[in-house]
Amino acid sequence: MAIGLGASLAACSPREGGACNREGAGHCLDTTRALTCREGRWRVLPCRGGAGCSTNADALQCDRGAGREGEPCAALEQRTCSEAGAARPGVLVCLQGTSPGSTGSAWAREASCLGPGGCRTEGAKITCDDSRAEPGALCLRAGQLACDVTGASLLRCQDGRFAVERACTRCAVDGDAGISCD
């Protein structure tokens, strides 16, 4: 009898892709992933922030203070930094239907943060050091200047992307003095 009951309970436990009816309900699968009810289906949600995944007073706590491009996210238009150690640090935004073949929401790159300060989150505030960039990289502020990562070109943000403004013998980021191109 106990074996049949155990098998019966296992069949009822939530699984990724299975139907659910309590939007936002969920539990931790481990310290870095949560299983949450989103749009009527159970979805695995990465918790890449420093606090990971935990439950507090029966409430799911999933730290989304960092993300990975293409992975599922929870709140549309939410922003975060790419996870620590990412090859291309940047600001990510949660958008609908950004994963190939998916209608769900996923992290998409909004800006590159290749300067020495990278991308940092402090509470709800995101700081992106985009003083260094690559031609064609996404940018947020029209007219903004940056040095290319090799120091050979001055870049300007145009139409949401960095473009070469001019060649330099030495392009440098001079802290408070700004960008210089010799």
N, C-alpha and C. Protein backbone atom coordinates (compact mmCIF):
# COMPACT_ATOMS: atom_id res chain seq x y z
N MET A 1 0.82 -1.19 0.00
CA MET A 1 0.00 0.00 0.00
C MET A 1 0.86 1.26 0.00
N ALA A 2 1.90 1.30 0.81
CA ALA A 2 2.78 2.46 0.88
C ALA A 2 3.48 2.69 -0.45
N ILE A 3 3.85 1.64 -1.16
CA ILE A 3 4.53 1.78 -2.45
C ILE A 3 3.58 2.41 -3.45
N GLY A 4 2.34 1.97 -3.49
CA GLY A 4 1.36 2.55 -4.40
C GLY A 4 1.11 4.02 -4.11
N LEU A 5 1.05 4.39 -2.83
CA LEU A 5 0.85 5.78 -2.45
C LEU A 5 2.03 6.63 -2.87
N GLY A 6 3.27 6.13 -2.69
CA GLY A 6 4.46 6.87 -3.09
C GLY A 6 4.48 7.11 -4.59
N ALA A 7 4.14 6.10 -5.36
CA ALA A 7 4.10 6.25 -6.81
C ALA A 7 3.02 7.24 -7.21
N SER A 8 1.91 7.20 -6.48
CA SER A 8 0.83 8.12 -6.76
C SER A 8 1.24 9.57 -6.48
N LEU A 9 1.93 9.80 -5.38
CA LEU A 9 2.40 11.16 -5.04
C LEU A 9 3.42 11.65 -6.05
N ALA A 10 4.32 10.77 -6.47
CA ALA A 10 5.34 11.17 -7.44
C ALA A 10 4.69 11.61 -8.75
N ALA A 11 3.61 10.95 -9.13
CA ALA A 11 2.93 11.30 -10.37
C ALA A 11 2.25 12.67 -10.27
N CYS A 12 1.93 13.12 -9.05
CA CYS A 12 1.24 14.40 -8.87
C CYS A 12 2.19 15.58 -8.67
N SER A 13 3.46 15.33 -8.46
CA SER A 13 4.38 16.44 -8.19
C SER A 13 4.59 17.26 -9.46
N PRO A 14 4.73 18.59 -9.30
CA PRO A 14 4.89 19.46 -10.46
C PRO A 14 6.15 19.13 -11.25
N ARG A 15 6.04 19.22 -12.58
CA ARG A 15 7.17 18.98 -13.49
C ARG A 15 7.21 20.10 -14.51
N GLU A 16 8.41 20.40 -14.97
CA GLU A 16 8.57 21.42 -16.00
C GLU A 16 7.68 21.10 -17.19
N GLY A 17 6.91 22.09 -17.64
CA GLY A 17 6.01 21.93 -18.78
C GLY A 17 4.62 21.46 -18.41
N GLY A 18 4.45 20.92 -17.19
CA GLY A 18 3.14 20.46 -16.74
C GLY A 18 2.19 21.62 -16.46
N ALA A 19 0.91 21.35 -16.47
CA ALA A 19 -0.09 22.39 -16.23
C ALA A 19 -0.11 22.79 -14.75
N CYS A 20 -0.38 24.08 -14.51
CA CYS A 20 -0.53 24.59 -13.14
C CYS A 20 -1.60 25.67 -13.16
N ASN A 21 -2.13 26.01 -11.99
CA ASN A 21 -3.21 27.00 -11.97
C ASN A 21 -3.01 28.12 -10.96
N ARG A 22 -1.91 28.13 -10.21
CA ARG A 22 -1.64 29.21 -9.24
C ARG A 22 -0.45 30.03 -9.71
N GLU A 23 -0.69 31.04 -10.54
CA GLU A 23 0.36 31.90 -11.09
C GLU A 23 1.29 32.38 -9.97
N GLY A 24 2.60 32.19 -10.18
CA GLY A 24 3.59 32.63 -9.20
C GLY A 24 3.93 31.60 -8.14
N ALA A 25 3.13 30.53 -8.02
CA ALA A 25 3.43 29.48 -7.03
C ALA A 25 4.71 28.77 -7.45
N GLY A 26 5.38 28.16 -6.49
CA GLY A 26 6.57 27.42 -6.85
C GLY A 26 7.37 26.97 -5.65
N HIS A 27 8.48 26.33 -5.94
CA HIS A 27 9.40 25.86 -4.90
C HIS A 27 10.81 25.76 -5.49
N CYS A 28 11.80 25.68 -4.62
CA CYS A 28 13.19 25.54 -5.06
C CYS A 28 13.46 24.10 -5.47
N LEU A 29 14.09 23.95 -6.62
CA LEU A 29 14.56 22.63 -7.05
C LEU A 29 15.91 22.34 -6.41
N ASP A 30 16.72 23.39 -6.27
CA ASP A 30 18.02 23.34 -5.60
C ASP A 30 18.40 24.77 -5.25
N THR A 31 19.64 25.05 -4.94
CA THR A 31 20.02 26.41 -4.50
C THR A 31 20.10 27.42 -5.63
N THR A 32 20.03 27.00 -6.89
CA THR A 32 20.14 27.94 -8.01
C THR A 32 18.98 27.90 -8.99
N ARG A 33 17.94 27.08 -8.71
CA ARG A 33 16.80 26.97 -9.62
C ARG A 33 15.49 26.83 -8.87
N ALA A 34 14.47 27.48 -9.42
CA ALA A 34 13.12 27.37 -8.87
C ALA A 34 12.20 26.79 -9.93
N LEU A 35 11.15 26.11 -9.50
CA LEU A 35 10.10 25.65 -10.40
C LEU A 35 8.90 26.53 -10.08
N THR A 36 8.48 27.34 -11.07
CA THR A 36 7.41 28.30 -10.83
C THR A 36 6.29 28.14 -11.85
N CYS A 37 5.10 28.54 -11.42
CA CYS A 37 3.93 28.52 -12.30
C CYS A 37 3.88 29.83 -13.07
N ARG A 38 4.05 29.75 -14.38
CA ARG A 38 4.03 30.92 -15.27
C ARG A 38 3.14 30.62 -16.46
N GLU A 39 2.15 31.44 -16.69
CA GLU A 39 1.27 31.33 -17.84
C GLU A 39 0.66 29.93 -17.97
N GLY A 40 0.26 29.35 -16.80
CA GLY A 40 -0.43 28.07 -16.79
C GLY A 40 0.46 26.85 -16.93
N ARG A 41 1.79 27.03 -16.91
CA ARG A 41 2.73 25.91 -17.04
C ARG A 41 3.84 26.04 -16.00
N TRP A 42 4.35 24.91 -15.51
CA TRP A 42 5.49 24.91 -14.61
C TRP A 42 6.75 25.18 -15.43
N ARG A 43 7.54 26.18 -15.01
CA ARG A 43 8.77 26.54 -15.71
C ARG A 43 9.93 26.58 -14.73
N VAL A 44 11.09 26.13 -15.17
CA VAL A 44 12.30 26.24 -14.36
C VAL A 44 12.82 27.66 -14.53
N LEU A 45 13.07 28.32 -13.43
CA LEU A 45 13.55 29.70 -13.43
C LEU A 45 14.91 29.75 -12.73
N PRO A 46 15.97 30.13 -13.45
CA PRO A 46 17.29 30.23 -12.81
C PRO A 46 17.31 31.35 -11.76
N CYS A 47 17.99 31.11 -10.67
CA CYS A 47 18.16 32.08 -9.58
C CYS A 47 19.66 32.34 -9.45
N ARG A 48 20.23 33.13 -10.36
CA ARG A 48 21.68 33.30 -10.48
C ARG A 48 22.25 34.39 -9.57
N GLY A 49 21.42 35.14 -8.88
CA GLY A 49 21.92 36.15 -7.95
C GLY A 49 22.60 35.49 -6.76
N GLY A 50 23.31 36.27 -5.98
CA GLY A 50 24.09 35.76 -4.86
C GLY A 50 23.29 34.98 -3.82
N ALA A 51 22.02 35.31 -3.62
CA ALA A 51 21.20 34.62 -2.62
C ALA A 51 20.58 33.33 -3.15
N GLY A 52 20.68 33.09 -4.47
CA GLY A 52 20.17 31.85 -5.05
C GLY A 52 18.67 31.67 -4.84
N CYS A 53 18.27 30.43 -4.53
CA CYS A 53 16.87 30.09 -4.31
C CYS A 53 16.69 29.63 -2.87
N SER A 54 15.65 30.16 -2.23
CA SER A 54 15.33 29.75 -0.85
C SER A 54 13.85 29.99 -0.61
N THR A 55 13.35 29.41 0.47
CA THR A 55 11.97 29.68 0.88
C THR A 55 12.03 30.38 2.22
N ASN A 56 11.19 31.38 2.38
CA ASN A 56 11.14 32.18 3.59
C ASN A 56 9.67 32.34 3.97
N ALA A 57 9.29 31.81 5.11
CA ALA A 57 7.88 31.88 5.57
C ALA A 57 6.94 31.37 4.47
N ASP A 58 7.28 30.22 3.90
CA ASP A 58 6.49 29.58 2.85
C ASP A 58 6.42 30.38 1.55
N ALA A 59 7.27 31.41 1.39
CA ALA A 59 7.32 32.17 0.14
C ALA A 59 8.61 31.85 -0.59
N LEU A 60 8.51 31.67 -1.89
CA LEU A 60 9.67 31.38 -2.72
C LEU A 60 10.48 32.66 -2.89
N GLN A 61 11.79 32.58 -2.68
CA GLN A 61 12.71 33.69 -2.90
C GLN A 61 13.71 33.26 -3.96
N CYS A 62 13.63 33.85 -5.16
CA CYS A 62 14.53 33.52 -6.25
C CYS A 62 15.30 34.79 -6.60
N ASP A 63 16.59 34.83 -6.27
CA ASP A 63 17.41 36.01 -6.52
C ASP A 63 17.78 36.06 -8.00
N ARG A 64 17.17 37.00 -8.71
CA ARG A 64 17.44 37.17 -10.13
C ARG A 64 18.36 38.37 -10.36
N GLY A 65 19.30 38.59 -9.45
CA GLY A 65 20.26 39.69 -9.55
C GLY A 65 21.30 39.47 -10.63
N ALA A 66 21.23 38.37 -11.32
CA ALA A 66 22.11 38.08 -12.46
C ALA A 66 21.39 37.10 -13.37
N GLY A 67 21.70 37.14 -14.65
CA GLY A 67 21.03 36.26 -15.60
C GLY A 67 21.97 35.78 -16.69
N ARG A 68 21.43 34.97 -17.57
CA ARG A 68 22.17 34.46 -18.72
C ARG A 68 21.29 34.64 -19.94
N GLU A 69 21.85 35.23 -20.99
CA GLU A 69 21.12 35.48 -22.21
C GLU A 69 20.41 34.22 -22.70
N GLY A 70 19.11 34.36 -23.05
CA GLY A 70 18.33 33.24 -23.58
C GLY A 70 17.63 32.40 -22.53
N GLU A 71 18.00 32.54 -21.26
CA GLU A 71 17.34 31.75 -20.20
C GLU A 71 16.02 32.40 -19.81
N PRO A 72 15.09 31.59 -19.28
CA PRO A 72 13.79 32.13 -18.86
C PRO A 72 13.94 33.19 -17.77
N CYS A 73 13.05 34.16 -17.79
CA CYS A 73 12.99 35.19 -16.76
C CYS A 73 11.53 35.35 -16.34
N ALA A 74 11.29 36.07 -15.26
CA ALA A 74 9.95 36.10 -14.69
C ALA A 74 9.13 37.34 -15.01
N ALA A 75 9.73 38.51 -14.94
CA ALA A 75 8.96 39.76 -15.05
C ALA A 75 9.37 40.55 -16.29
N LEU A 76 8.45 40.72 -17.23
CA LEU A 76 8.74 41.47 -18.44
C LEU A 76 9.28 42.85 -18.11
N GLU A 77 10.26 43.27 -18.89
CA GLU A 77 10.93 44.57 -18.76
C GLU A 77 11.85 44.66 -17.54
N GLN A 78 11.94 43.62 -16.73
CA GLN A 78 12.89 43.61 -15.62
C GLN A 78 14.29 43.62 -16.21
N ARG A 79 15.23 44.29 -15.55
CA ARG A 79 16.61 44.34 -15.99
C ARG A 79 17.53 43.77 -14.94
N THR A 80 18.63 43.18 -15.39
CA THR A 80 19.65 42.65 -14.50
C THR A 80 20.97 42.61 -15.24
N CYS A 81 22.03 42.22 -14.56
CA CYS A 81 23.33 42.04 -15.19
C CYS A 81 23.51 40.59 -15.61
N SER A 82 24.36 40.38 -16.62
CA SER A 82 24.72 39.00 -16.95
C SER A 82 25.47 38.42 -15.76
N GLU A 83 25.45 37.11 -15.64
CA GLU A 83 26.04 36.46 -14.47
C GLU A 83 27.53 36.76 -14.35
N ALA A 84 28.05 36.70 -13.13
CA ALA A 84 29.48 36.92 -12.87
C ALA A 84 30.30 35.95 -13.70
N GLY A 85 31.38 36.44 -14.26
CA GLY A 85 32.26 35.61 -15.07
C GLY A 85 31.81 35.44 -16.51
N ALA A 86 30.72 36.10 -16.91
CA ALA A 86 30.25 36.00 -18.29
C ALA A 86 31.32 36.55 -19.23
N ALA A 87 31.51 35.90 -20.37
CA ALA A 87 32.51 36.34 -21.34
C ALA A 87 32.21 37.74 -21.85
N ARG A 88 30.94 38.10 -21.93
CA ARG A 88 30.53 39.41 -22.44
C ARG A 88 29.57 40.05 -21.44
N PRO A 89 30.12 40.73 -20.42
CA PRO A 89 29.23 41.34 -19.42
C PRO A 89 28.29 42.37 -20.05
N GLY A 90 27.08 42.43 -19.52
CA GLY A 90 26.13 43.39 -20.06
C GLY A 90 24.86 43.47 -19.25
N VAL A 91 23.99 44.39 -19.66
CA VAL A 91 22.67 44.55 -19.07
C VAL A 91 21.72 43.67 -19.87
N LEU A 92 20.91 42.88 -19.16
CA LEU A 92 19.91 42.02 -19.79
C LEU A 92 18.53 42.55 -19.45
N VAL A 93 17.59 42.38 -20.37
CA VAL A 93 16.21 42.77 -20.15
C VAL A 93 15.32 41.56 -20.43
N CYS A 94 14.26 41.40 -19.65
CA CYS A 94 13.33 40.30 -19.80
C CYS A 94 12.30 40.67 -20.88
N LEU A 95 12.31 39.92 -21.99
CA LEU A 95 11.41 40.19 -23.11
C LEU A 95 10.61 38.94 -23.47
N GLN A 96 9.45 39.14 -24.03
CA GLN A 96 8.57 38.04 -24.45
C GLN A 96 9.05 37.47 -25.78
N GLY A 97 9.10 36.13 -25.86
CA GLY A 97 9.36 35.44 -27.12
C GLY A 97 10.75 35.65 -27.70
N THR A 98 11.78 35.82 -26.85
CA THR A 98 13.13 36.04 -27.37
C THR A 98 13.90 34.75 -27.61
N SER A 99 13.45 33.64 -27.04
CA SER A 99 14.12 32.36 -27.28
C SER A 99 13.57 31.75 -28.56
N PRO A 100 14.44 31.19 -29.41
CA PRO A 100 13.94 30.56 -30.65
C PRO A 100 12.89 29.50 -30.35
N GLY A 101 11.75 29.60 -31.03
CA GLY A 101 10.68 28.62 -30.87
C GLY A 101 9.89 28.74 -29.58
N SER A 102 10.10 29.83 -28.83
CA SER A 102 9.42 29.98 -27.54
C SER A 102 8.53 31.21 -27.53
N THR A 103 7.42 31.10 -26.84
CA THR A 103 6.57 32.27 -26.64
C THR A 103 6.76 32.82 -25.23
N GLY A 104 7.51 32.10 -24.39
CA GLY A 104 7.77 32.54 -23.02
C GLY A 104 8.75 33.70 -22.97
N SER A 105 8.98 34.23 -21.79
CA SER A 105 9.91 35.34 -21.64
C SER A 105 11.31 34.83 -21.36
N ALA A 106 12.31 35.58 -21.87
CA ALA A 106 13.71 35.19 -21.70
C ALA A 106 14.58 36.44 -21.64
N TRP A 107 15.78 36.28 -21.06
CA TRP A 107 16.74 37.39 -20.98
C TRP A 107 17.32 37.68 -22.36
N ALA A 108 17.36 38.96 -22.73
CA ALA A 108 17.98 39.41 -23.98
C ALA A 108 18.95 40.55 -23.65
N ARG A 109 20.04 40.63 -24.39
CA ARG A 109 21.04 41.68 -24.15
C ARG A 109 20.47 43.04 -24.53
N GLU A 110 20.63 43.99 -23.63
CA GLU A 110 20.20 45.36 -23.89
C GLU A 110 21.40 46.28 -24.10
N ALA A 111 22.51 46.01 -23.43
CA ALA A 111 23.71 46.83 -23.57
C ALA A 111 24.92 46.02 -23.15
N SER A 112 26.07 46.34 -23.74
CA SER A 112 27.33 45.72 -23.36
C SER A 112 28.01 46.59 -22.32
N CYS A 113 28.67 45.96 -21.37
CA CYS A 113 29.36 46.67 -20.28
C CYS A 113 30.80 46.17 -20.23
N LEU A 114 31.60 46.53 -21.24
CA LEU A 114 32.95 46.00 -21.40
C LEU A 114 34.01 46.86 -20.71
N GLY A 115 33.61 47.97 -20.09
CA GLY A 115 34.56 48.79 -19.34
C GLY A 115 35.02 48.06 -18.10
N PRO A 116 36.07 48.57 -17.43
CA PRO A 116 36.63 47.86 -16.28
C PRO A 116 35.64 47.64 -15.14
N GLY A 117 34.60 48.48 -15.02
CA GLY A 117 33.60 48.31 -13.96
C GLY A 117 32.55 47.26 -14.28
N GLY A 118 32.50 46.78 -15.54
CA GLY A 118 31.53 45.75 -15.93
C GLY A 118 30.09 46.17 -15.65
N CYS A 119 29.28 45.24 -15.22
CA CYS A 119 27.88 45.48 -14.87
C CYS A 119 27.70 45.10 -13.41
N ARG A 120 27.05 45.99 -12.64
CA ARG A 120 26.83 45.73 -11.21
C ARG A 120 25.38 46.06 -10.85
N THR A 121 24.83 45.26 -9.95
CA THR A 121 23.51 45.56 -9.40
C THR A 121 23.68 45.90 -7.93
N GLU A 122 23.00 46.95 -7.52
CA GLU A 122 22.94 47.36 -6.12
C GLU A 122 21.48 47.59 -5.80
N GLY A 123 20.83 46.57 -5.25
CA GLY A 123 19.39 46.63 -5.05
C GLY A 123 18.73 46.65 -6.42
N ALA A 124 17.89 47.64 -6.68
CA ALA A 124 17.21 47.76 -7.96
C ALA A 124 18.02 48.56 -8.98
N LYS A 125 19.14 49.16 -8.55
CA LYS A 125 19.95 50.00 -9.43
C LYS A 125 20.98 49.15 -10.18
N ILE A 126 21.09 49.39 -11.50
CA ILE A 126 22.07 48.71 -12.33
C ILE A 126 23.06 49.74 -12.84
N THR A 127 24.35 49.43 -12.69
CA THR A 127 25.42 50.30 -13.19
C THR A 127 26.18 49.55 -14.27
N CYS A 128 26.28 50.15 -15.45
CA CYS A 128 26.95 49.53 -16.59
C CYS A 128 28.11 50.41 -17.01
N ASP A 129 29.34 49.88 -16.95
CA ASP A 129 30.51 50.62 -17.43
C ASP A 129 30.68 50.30 -18.91
N ASP A 130 30.18 51.21 -19.74
CA ASP A 130 30.28 51.03 -21.18
C ASP A 130 31.29 52.01 -21.78
N SER A 131 32.32 52.35 -21.01
CA SER A 131 33.37 53.24 -21.49
C SER A 131 34.25 52.54 -22.53
N ARG A 132 34.20 51.22 -22.58
CA ARG A 132 34.87 50.43 -23.63
C ARG A 132 33.79 49.57 -24.29
N ALA A 133 33.92 49.42 -25.59
CA ALA A 133 32.90 48.66 -26.34
C ALA A 133 33.52 48.11 -27.61
N GLU A 134 32.72 47.37 -28.35
CA GLU A 134 33.11 46.87 -29.66
C GLU A 134 32.19 47.51 -30.69
N PRO A 135 32.71 47.81 -31.90
CA PRO A 135 31.82 48.34 -32.93
C PRO A 135 30.64 47.38 -33.14
N GLY A 136 29.45 47.93 -33.20
CA GLY A 136 28.24 47.12 -33.38
C GLY A 136 27.58 46.69 -32.09
N ALA A 137 28.27 46.89 -30.94
CA ALA A 137 27.68 46.51 -29.65
C ALA A 137 26.49 47.40 -29.34
N LEU A 138 25.51 46.85 -28.63
CA LEU A 138 24.33 47.61 -28.23
C LEU A 138 24.71 48.71 -27.25
N CYS A 139 24.05 49.87 -27.38
CA CYS A 139 24.25 50.98 -26.45
C CYS A 139 22.92 51.66 -26.19
N LEU A 140 22.85 52.42 -25.10
CA LEU A 140 21.57 52.99 -24.66
C LEU A 140 21.44 54.49 -24.86
N ARG A 141 22.55 55.23 -24.86
CA ARG A 141 22.48 56.70 -24.90
C ARG A 141 23.05 57.25 -26.20
N ALA A 142 22.20 57.76 -27.07
CA ALA A 142 22.64 58.33 -28.34
C ALA A 142 23.71 59.40 -28.10
N GLY A 143 24.77 59.35 -28.89
CA GLY A 143 25.85 60.33 -28.79
C GLY A 143 26.93 59.96 -27.79
N GLN A 144 26.69 58.95 -26.98
CA GLN A 144 27.66 58.53 -25.98
C GLN A 144 28.95 58.08 -26.66
N LEU A 145 30.11 58.43 -26.06
CA LEU A 145 31.41 58.02 -26.58
C LEU A 145 31.97 56.86 -25.78
N ALA A 146 32.79 56.05 -26.44
CA ALA A 146 33.49 54.94 -25.80
C ALA A 146 34.75 54.66 -26.61
N CYS A 147 35.72 54.02 -25.98
CA CYS A 147 36.89 53.52 -26.70
C CYS A 147 36.60 52.09 -27.11
N ASP A 148 37.11 51.69 -28.28
CA ASP A 148 36.97 50.27 -28.61
C ASP A 148 37.90 49.49 -27.68
N VAL A 149 37.69 48.20 -27.55
CA VAL A 149 38.42 47.40 -26.57
C VAL A 149 39.92 47.33 -26.85
N THR A 150 40.35 47.61 -28.08
CA THR A 150 41.77 47.60 -28.41
C THR A 150 42.43 48.96 -28.17
N GLY A 151 41.62 50.01 -27.99
CA GLY A 151 42.16 51.35 -27.81
C GLY A 151 42.55 52.02 -29.11
N ALA A 152 42.15 51.46 -30.25
CA ALA A 152 42.54 52.00 -31.55
C ALA A 152 41.47 52.88 -32.19
N SER A 153 40.26 52.94 -31.62
CA SER A 153 39.18 53.73 -32.23
C SER A 153 38.31 54.37 -31.16
N LEU A 154 37.77 55.52 -31.53
CA LEU A 154 36.76 56.20 -30.72
C LEU A 154 35.41 55.78 -31.30
N LEU A 155 34.49 55.35 -30.44
CA LEU A 155 33.17 54.91 -30.87
C LEU A 155 32.10 55.89 -30.40
N ARG A 156 31.01 55.98 -31.14
CA ARG A 156 29.86 56.81 -30.76
C ARG A 156 28.60 55.97 -30.88
N CYS A 157 27.70 56.14 -29.93
CA CYS A 157 26.42 55.43 -29.94
C CYS A 157 25.49 56.10 -30.96
N GLN A 158 25.10 55.32 -31.98
CA GLN A 158 24.20 55.81 -33.02
C GLN A 158 23.15 54.74 -33.30
N ASP A 159 21.91 55.10 -33.25
CA ASP A 159 20.82 54.17 -33.55
C ASP A 159 20.90 52.89 -32.71
N GLY A 160 21.29 53.02 -31.43
CA GLY A 160 21.32 51.90 -30.51
C GLY A 160 22.53 51.00 -30.60
N ARG A 161 23.52 51.38 -31.42
CA ARG A 161 24.74 50.57 -31.56
C ARG A 161 25.97 51.49 -31.62
N PHE A 162 27.09 50.98 -31.09
CA PHE A 162 28.34 51.74 -31.19
C PHE A 162 28.90 51.62 -32.60
N ALA A 163 29.34 52.78 -33.15
CA ALA A 163 29.95 52.83 -34.48
C ALA A 163 31.27 53.59 -34.37
N VAL A 164 32.22 53.26 -35.25
CA VAL A 164 33.52 53.94 -35.22
C VAL A 164 33.33 55.39 -35.62
N GLU A 165 33.76 56.29 -34.75
CA GLU A 165 33.74 57.73 -35.00
C GLU A 165 35.02 58.13 -35.73
N ARG A 166 36.17 57.64 -35.21
CA ARG A 166 37.45 57.89 -35.86
C ARG A 166 38.53 57.00 -35.25
N ALA A 167 39.61 56.81 -36.02
CA ALA A 167 40.76 56.03 -35.54
C ALA A 167 41.59 56.87 -34.58
N CYS A 168 42.24 56.21 -33.65
CA CYS A 168 43.10 56.88 -32.67
C CYS A 168 44.44 56.17 -32.62
N THR A 169 45.47 56.93 -32.26
CA THR A 169 46.73 56.29 -31.93
C THR A 169 46.56 55.60 -30.60
N ARG A 170 45.85 56.30 -29.70
CA ARG A 170 45.56 55.74 -28.38
C ARG A 170 44.24 56.32 -27.88
N CYS A 171 43.24 55.49 -27.72
CA CYS A 171 41.98 55.90 -27.13
C CYS A 171 42.03 55.48 -25.67
N ALA A 172 41.73 56.42 -24.78
CA ALA A 172 41.86 56.12 -23.35
C ALA A 172 40.64 56.60 -22.59
N VAL A 173 40.32 55.88 -21.53
CA VAL A 173 39.27 56.25 -20.59
C VAL A 173 39.99 56.89 -19.42
N ASP A 174 39.74 58.19 -19.20
CA ASP A 174 40.47 58.95 -18.20
C ASP A 174 39.62 59.28 -16.98
N GLY A 175 38.91 58.29 -16.44
CA GLY A 175 38.11 58.50 -15.23
C GLY A 175 37.17 59.68 -15.37
N ASP A 176 37.31 60.67 -14.48
CA ASP A 176 36.43 61.84 -14.48
C ASP A 176 36.61 62.73 -15.70
N ALA A 177 37.80 62.67 -16.33
CA ALA A 177 38.06 63.52 -17.50
C ALA A 177 37.35 63.00 -18.74
N GLY A 178 36.91 61.76 -18.74
CA GLY A 178 36.17 61.21 -19.87
C GLY A 178 37.04 60.41 -20.81
N ILE A 179 36.70 60.47 -22.10
CA ILE A 179 37.35 59.68 -23.14
C ILE A 179 38.27 60.59 -23.93
N SER A 180 39.48 60.13 -24.20
CA SER A 180 40.38 60.91 -25.05
C SER A 180 40.87 60.04 -26.21
N CYS A 181 41.02 60.68 -27.36
CA CYS A 181 41.46 59.98 -28.57
C CYS A 181 42.63 60.79 -29.15
N ASP A 182 43.83 60.25 -29.02
CA ASP A 182 45.05 60.95 -29.52
C ASP A 182 45.39 60.49 -30.91
